[in-house]
Amino acid sequence: MEYNKEALAYFKKEGVSVVFLFRHNLLRRYVSILANLFDKEAKSLNGTHKSHVHSRFEQVLGIQKFLGVIPRKLTSHHVKIHTQPLSKQIQNWLEVYEMLKGTEFEGFLGDK
C-alpha cells in the first residue's frame, strides 16, 4: 500500500476497523495475482481495471460481529473469473506439481 502510514493514521482517527482476507491456498493466490495483472494490462474496460472477488458469497457473520454492525445477508455483484483447476491455469503444471509433491506445500496443489 503506497500510503500505509497516512491510511493508518486516518483509520485510527476515524475509528475504522480493518479486516484482511487471505486465501488458504497460496499457489492459487499467486496464480490469481498473475492473472489479474495480465487482465489489468491486456483486458481493461474503458481504461479501468475491474476488481475481482474470489468467493461467490461475501457474507461473513464473524466479520460483521467484529465490526459491530447488524448482521445481515450480504450479496456481491462480483463474479469468480478464474474457475478452472490450477492444472489448466499453470502453463508448466507438471513441473510445479513435481516440485511441490511430497513437500510441506503439496496441499497447495489442490483446487480449494
N, C-alpha and C. Protein backbone atom coordinates (compact mmCIF):
# COMPACT_ATOMS: atom_id res chain seq x y z
N MET A 1 0.84 -1.18 0.00
CA MET A 1 0.00 0.00 0.00
C MET A 1 0.89 1.24 0.00
N GLU A 2 0.66 2.10 -0.93
CA GLU A 2 1.55 3.24 -1.12
C GLU A 2 1.52 4.23 0.04
N TYR A 3 0.35 4.50 0.58
CA TYR A 3 0.22 5.50 1.65
C TYR A 3 -0.22 4.84 2.95
N ASN A 4 0.46 3.77 3.35
CA ASN A 4 0.01 2.98 4.50
C ASN A 4 0.03 3.78 5.80
N LYS A 5 1.02 4.61 6.03
CA LYS A 5 1.07 5.38 7.27
C LYS A 5 -0.07 6.39 7.35
N GLU A 6 -0.33 7.06 6.23
CA GLU A 6 -1.43 8.02 6.19
C GLU A 6 -2.77 7.33 6.39
N ALA A 7 -2.93 6.18 5.73
CA ALA A 7 -4.19 5.42 5.86
C ALA A 7 -4.38 4.96 7.30
N LEU A 8 -3.32 4.45 7.92
CA LEU A 8 -3.41 4.00 9.30
C LEU A 8 -3.79 5.15 10.23
N ALA A 9 -3.18 6.30 10.05
CA ALA A 9 -3.50 7.47 10.87
C ALA A 9 -4.97 7.86 10.70
N TYR A 10 -5.46 7.85 9.47
CA TYR A 10 -6.86 8.17 9.20
C TYR A 10 -7.79 7.16 9.85
N PHE A 11 -7.47 5.88 9.70
CA PHE A 11 -8.31 4.83 10.29
C PHE A 11 -8.39 4.99 11.80
N LYS A 12 -7.25 5.24 12.44
CA LYS A 12 -7.24 5.41 13.89
C LYS A 12 -8.07 6.62 14.29
N LYS A 13 -7.90 7.72 13.58
CA LYS A 13 -8.63 8.96 13.88
C LYS A 13 -10.13 8.77 13.74
N GLU A 14 -10.54 8.06 12.70
CA GLU A 14 -11.96 7.88 12.41
C GLU A 14 -12.57 6.64 13.05
N GLY A 15 -11.74 5.84 13.75
CA GLY A 15 -12.25 4.62 14.39
C GLY A 15 -12.63 3.54 13.41
N VAL A 16 -11.89 3.44 12.33
CA VAL A 16 -12.18 2.46 11.29
C VAL A 16 -11.52 1.13 11.65
N SER A 17 -12.27 0.05 11.53
CA SER A 17 -11.72 -1.29 11.72
C SER A 17 -11.33 -1.85 10.37
N VAL A 18 -10.25 -2.62 10.34
CA VAL A 18 -9.77 -3.18 9.08
C VAL A 18 -9.76 -4.70 9.20
N VAL A 19 -10.23 -5.36 8.16
CA VAL A 19 -10.24 -6.82 8.10
C VAL A 19 -9.48 -7.22 6.85
N PHE A 20 -8.45 -8.06 7.02
CA PHE A 20 -7.71 -8.59 5.89
C PHE A 20 -8.19 -10.01 5.64
N LEU A 21 -8.53 -10.29 4.39
CA LEU A 21 -8.94 -11.63 4.00
C LEU A 21 -7.82 -12.25 3.17
N PHE A 22 -7.43 -13.46 3.55
CA PHE A 22 -6.35 -14.14 2.85
C PHE A 22 -6.85 -15.48 2.33
N ARG A 23 -6.33 -15.88 1.20
CA ARG A 23 -6.62 -17.22 0.67
C ARG A 23 -5.82 -18.25 1.46
N HIS A 24 -6.39 -19.41 1.62
CA HIS A 24 -5.68 -20.51 2.27
C HIS A 24 -4.66 -21.13 1.33
N ASN A 25 -4.98 -21.18 0.05
CA ASN A 25 -4.10 -21.81 -0.92
C ASN A 25 -3.24 -20.73 -1.58
N LEU A 26 -1.98 -20.63 -1.14
CA LEU A 26 -1.09 -19.59 -1.65
C LEU A 26 -0.78 -19.74 -3.14
N LEU A 27 -0.71 -20.98 -3.62
CA LEU A 27 -0.45 -21.19 -5.04
C LEU A 27 -1.59 -20.61 -5.87
N ARG A 28 -2.83 -20.88 -5.46
CA ARG A 28 -3.99 -20.34 -6.17
C ARG A 28 -3.98 -18.80 -6.07
N ARG A 29 -3.55 -18.28 -4.93
CA ARG A 29 -3.49 -16.83 -4.75
C ARG A 29 -2.50 -16.22 -5.74
N TYR A 30 -1.31 -16.82 -5.86
CA TYR A 30 -0.32 -16.28 -6.78
C TYR A 30 -0.76 -16.39 -8.23
N VAL A 31 -1.41 -17.48 -8.59
CA VAL A 31 -1.94 -17.62 -9.94
C VAL A 31 -2.96 -16.52 -10.20
N SER A 32 -3.81 -16.25 -9.21
CA SER A 32 -4.82 -15.21 -9.34
C SER A 32 -4.19 -13.83 -9.48
N ILE A 33 -3.15 -13.56 -8.69
CA ILE A 33 -2.47 -12.27 -8.78
C ILE A 33 -1.90 -12.08 -10.18
N LEU A 34 -1.22 -13.11 -10.70
CA LEU A 34 -0.63 -13.01 -12.04
C LEU A 34 -1.71 -12.85 -13.11
N ALA A 35 -2.80 -13.58 -12.96
CA ALA A 35 -3.89 -13.47 -13.94
C ALA A 35 -4.51 -12.08 -13.89
N ASN A 36 -4.68 -11.54 -12.69
CA ASN A 36 -5.26 -10.21 -12.56
C ASN A 36 -4.34 -9.14 -13.13
N LEU A 37 -3.03 -9.30 -12.94
CA LEU A 37 -2.08 -8.36 -13.54
C LEU A 37 -2.17 -8.42 -15.07
N PHE A 38 -2.28 -9.64 -15.58
CA PHE A 38 -2.43 -9.79 -17.03
C PHE A 38 -3.73 -9.13 -17.49
N ASP A 39 -4.82 -9.42 -16.77
CA ASP A 39 -6.12 -8.83 -17.13
C ASP A 39 -6.06 -7.31 -17.11
N LYS A 40 -5.39 -6.77 -16.11
CA LYS A 40 -5.31 -5.32 -15.96
C LYS A 40 -4.63 -4.69 -17.17
N GLU A 41 -3.57 -5.34 -17.67
CA GLU A 41 -2.83 -4.80 -18.81
C GLU A 41 -3.51 -5.12 -20.14
N ALA A 42 -4.02 -6.32 -20.26
CA ALA A 42 -4.49 -6.79 -21.56
C ALA A 42 -5.98 -6.57 -21.82
N LYS A 43 -6.78 -6.55 -20.76
CA LYS A 43 -8.22 -6.53 -20.97
C LYS A 43 -8.91 -5.44 -20.15
N SER A 44 -8.35 -4.23 -20.12
CA SER A 44 -9.00 -3.18 -19.35
C SER A 44 -10.28 -2.73 -20.06
N LEU A 45 -11.25 -2.32 -19.28
CA LEU A 45 -12.52 -1.85 -19.82
C LEU A 45 -12.55 -0.33 -19.72
N ASN A 46 -12.56 0.32 -20.85
CA ASN A 46 -12.58 1.79 -20.88
C ASN A 46 -11.43 2.38 -20.07
N GLY A 47 -10.28 1.74 -20.09
CA GLY A 47 -9.12 2.26 -19.39
C GLY A 47 -9.10 2.00 -17.90
N THR A 48 -10.07 1.25 -17.37
CA THR A 48 -10.09 0.95 -15.94
C THR A 48 -10.06 -0.55 -15.73
N HIS A 49 -9.52 -0.96 -14.60
CA HIS A 49 -9.44 -2.37 -14.25
C HIS A 49 -10.56 -2.71 -13.29
N LYS A 50 -11.27 -3.76 -13.56
CA LYS A 50 -12.35 -4.21 -12.68
C LYS A 50 -11.78 -5.12 -11.62
N SER A 51 -12.18 -4.91 -10.38
CA SER A 51 -11.67 -5.74 -9.28
C SER A 51 -12.31 -7.12 -9.34
N HIS A 52 -11.64 -8.08 -8.73
CA HIS A 52 -12.13 -9.45 -8.71
C HIS A 52 -12.28 -9.90 -7.27
N VAL A 53 -13.37 -10.54 -7.00
CA VAL A 53 -13.59 -11.16 -5.69
C VAL A 53 -13.69 -12.64 -5.94
N HIS A 54 -13.02 -13.43 -5.12
CA HIS A 54 -12.87 -14.84 -5.43
C HIS A 54 -13.77 -15.75 -4.61
N SER A 55 -14.86 -15.21 -4.11
CA SER A 55 -15.85 -16.07 -3.48
C SER A 55 -17.23 -15.56 -3.88
N ARG A 56 -18.14 -16.47 -4.08
CA ARG A 56 -19.44 -16.09 -4.58
C ARG A 56 -20.23 -15.32 -3.53
N PHE A 57 -20.16 -15.73 -2.30
CA PHE A 57 -20.91 -15.06 -1.24
C PHE A 57 -19.95 -14.44 -0.24
N GLU A 58 -20.12 -13.17 0.03
CA GLU A 58 -19.21 -12.44 0.91
C GLU A 58 -19.76 -12.31 2.33
N GLN A 59 -20.84 -13.02 2.63
CA GLN A 59 -21.42 -12.92 3.98
C GLN A 59 -20.51 -13.63 4.98
N VAL A 60 -20.01 -12.90 5.92
CA VAL A 60 -19.15 -13.46 6.94
C VAL A 60 -19.65 -12.93 8.28
N LEU A 61 -20.39 -13.77 8.95
CA LEU A 61 -21.01 -13.35 10.21
C LEU A 61 -19.97 -12.92 11.24
N GLY A 62 -18.87 -13.63 11.36
CA GLY A 62 -17.84 -13.27 12.33
C GLY A 62 -17.28 -11.87 12.08
N ILE A 63 -17.11 -11.52 10.82
CA ILE A 63 -16.59 -10.20 10.49
C ILE A 63 -17.62 -9.13 10.84
N GLN A 64 -18.88 -9.41 10.55
CA GLN A 64 -19.92 -8.44 10.88
C GLN A 64 -19.97 -8.19 12.39
N LYS A 65 -19.84 -9.26 13.16
CA LYS A 65 -19.82 -9.11 14.61
C LYS A 65 -18.59 -8.31 15.05
N PHE A 66 -17.42 -8.60 14.46
CA PHE A 66 -16.19 -7.89 14.77
C PHE A 66 -16.35 -6.39 14.50
N LEU A 67 -17.00 -6.06 13.39
CA LEU A 67 -17.18 -4.67 13.02
C LEU A 67 -18.27 -3.97 13.82
N GLY A 68 -19.06 -4.76 14.55
CA GLY A 68 -20.12 -4.17 15.37
C GLY A 68 -21.31 -3.68 14.56
N VAL A 69 -21.54 -4.33 13.42
CA VAL A 69 -22.70 -3.95 12.60
C VAL A 69 -23.79 -5.00 12.75
N ILE A 70 -24.99 -4.62 12.43
CA ILE A 70 -26.11 -5.55 12.50
C ILE A 70 -25.90 -6.62 11.43
N PRO A 71 -25.84 -7.89 11.84
CA PRO A 71 -25.64 -8.96 10.84
C PRO A 71 -26.77 -8.99 9.82
N ARG A 72 -26.39 -9.10 8.58
CA ARG A 72 -27.37 -9.21 7.50
C ARG A 72 -26.78 -10.01 6.37
N LYS A 73 -27.64 -10.51 5.52
CA LYS A 73 -27.18 -11.27 4.37
C LYS A 73 -26.59 -10.28 3.37
N LEU A 74 -25.36 -10.55 2.98
CA LEU A 74 -24.68 -9.68 2.03
C LEU A 74 -24.65 -10.33 0.66
N THR A 75 -24.71 -9.52 -0.36
CA THR A 75 -24.59 -10.02 -1.72
C THR A 75 -23.52 -9.22 -2.44
N SER A 76 -22.99 -9.80 -3.48
CA SER A 76 -21.95 -9.13 -4.26
C SER A 76 -22.26 -9.33 -5.73
N HIS A 77 -21.93 -8.32 -6.50
CA HIS A 77 -22.10 -8.42 -7.95
C HIS A 77 -20.82 -8.89 -8.63
N HIS A 78 -19.78 -9.10 -7.82
CA HIS A 78 -18.54 -9.63 -8.37
C HIS A 78 -18.71 -11.11 -8.67
N VAL A 79 -18.03 -11.56 -9.68
CA VAL A 79 -18.10 -12.97 -10.04
C VAL A 79 -16.71 -13.57 -10.06
N LYS A 80 -16.62 -14.84 -9.75
CA LYS A 80 -15.35 -15.55 -9.79
C LYS A 80 -15.00 -15.79 -11.25
N ILE A 81 -13.81 -15.34 -11.65
CA ILE A 81 -13.47 -15.44 -13.08
C ILE A 81 -12.43 -16.51 -13.36
N HIS A 82 -11.70 -16.94 -12.36
CA HIS A 82 -10.69 -17.97 -12.56
C HIS A 82 -11.20 -19.26 -11.93
N THR A 83 -12.01 -19.98 -12.68
CA THR A 83 -12.72 -21.13 -12.13
C THR A 83 -12.10 -22.47 -12.52
N GLN A 84 -11.15 -22.46 -13.43
CA GLN A 84 -10.55 -23.72 -13.87
C GLN A 84 -9.60 -24.26 -12.81
N PRO A 85 -9.36 -25.56 -12.83
CA PRO A 85 -8.37 -26.14 -11.92
C PRO A 85 -7.00 -25.52 -12.19
N LEU A 86 -6.14 -25.53 -11.17
CA LEU A 86 -4.80 -24.97 -11.33
C LEU A 86 -4.05 -25.62 -12.49
N SER A 87 -4.28 -26.91 -12.69
CA SER A 87 -3.57 -27.63 -13.76
C SER A 87 -3.90 -27.05 -15.14
N LYS A 88 -5.03 -26.38 -15.27
CA LYS A 88 -5.41 -25.76 -16.55
C LYS A 88 -4.93 -24.31 -16.64
N GLN A 89 -4.57 -23.72 -15.49
CA GLN A 89 -4.16 -22.32 -15.47
C GLN A 89 -2.65 -22.12 -15.49
N ILE A 90 -1.90 -23.13 -15.09
CA ILE A 90 -0.45 -23.02 -14.99
C ILE A 90 0.18 -23.72 -16.17
N GLN A 91 0.91 -22.96 -16.97
CA GLN A 91 1.48 -23.49 -18.21
C GLN A 91 2.44 -24.65 -17.95
N ASN A 92 3.27 -24.55 -16.92
CA ASN A 92 4.23 -25.61 -16.61
C ASN A 92 3.75 -26.42 -15.40
N TRP A 93 2.50 -26.84 -15.44
CA TRP A 93 1.86 -27.51 -14.32
C TRP A 93 2.64 -28.75 -13.85
N LEU A 94 3.08 -29.59 -14.78
CA LEU A 94 3.78 -30.82 -14.38
C LEU A 94 5.05 -30.50 -13.60
N GLU A 95 5.77 -29.47 -14.02
CA GLU A 95 6.98 -29.05 -13.31
C GLU A 95 6.64 -28.54 -11.90
N VAL A 96 5.60 -27.73 -11.79
CA VAL A 96 5.17 -27.22 -10.49
C VAL A 96 4.70 -28.37 -9.61
N TYR A 97 3.91 -29.28 -10.19
CA TYR A 97 3.40 -30.43 -9.45
C TYR A 97 4.55 -31.27 -8.88
N GLU A 98 5.50 -31.60 -9.72
CA GLU A 98 6.64 -32.42 -9.28
C GLU A 98 7.48 -31.71 -8.23
N MET A 99 7.59 -30.40 -8.34
CA MET A 99 8.39 -29.62 -7.39
C MET A 99 7.74 -29.60 -6.00
N LEU A 100 6.41 -29.52 -5.96
CA LEU A 100 5.71 -29.41 -4.68
C LEU A 100 5.29 -30.75 -4.08
N LYS A 101 5.18 -31.77 -4.92
CA LYS A 101 4.76 -33.10 -4.47
C LYS A 101 5.74 -33.62 -3.41
N GLY A 102 5.19 -34.08 -2.29
CA GLY A 102 6.00 -34.64 -1.22
C GLY A 102 6.61 -33.60 -0.29
N THR A 103 6.30 -32.32 -0.51
CA THR A 103 6.81 -31.27 0.37
C THR A 103 5.69 -30.77 1.27
N GLU A 104 6.03 -29.87 2.16
CA GLU A 104 5.02 -29.28 3.04
C GLU A 104 4.01 -28.44 2.26
N PHE A 105 4.31 -28.14 0.99
CA PHE A 105 3.45 -27.32 0.16
C PHE A 105 2.54 -28.14 -0.76
N GLU A 106 2.57 -29.44 -0.63
CA GLU A 106 1.79 -30.32 -1.51
C GLU A 106 0.30 -30.00 -1.45
N GLY A 107 -0.16 -29.55 -0.30
CA GLY A 107 -1.59 -29.21 -0.16
C GLY A 107 -2.05 -28.10 -1.08
N PHE A 108 -1.12 -27.27 -1.55
CA PHE A 108 -1.48 -26.18 -2.45
C PHE A 108 -1.83 -26.68 -3.84
N LEU A 109 -1.52 -27.92 -4.13
CA LEU A 109 -1.80 -28.48 -5.46
C LEU A 109 -3.29 -28.75 -5.65
N GLY A 110 -4.06 -28.78 -4.57
CA GLY A 110 -5.49 -28.98 -4.66
C GLY A 110 -6.19 -27.74 -5.17
N ASP A 111 -7.44 -27.87 -5.47
CA ASP A 111 -8.20 -26.75 -6.04
C ASP A 111 -9.10 -26.05 -5.05
N LYS A 112 -8.78 -26.10 -3.80
CA LYS A 112 -9.60 -25.41 -2.80
C LYS A 112 -9.02 -24.08 -2.47
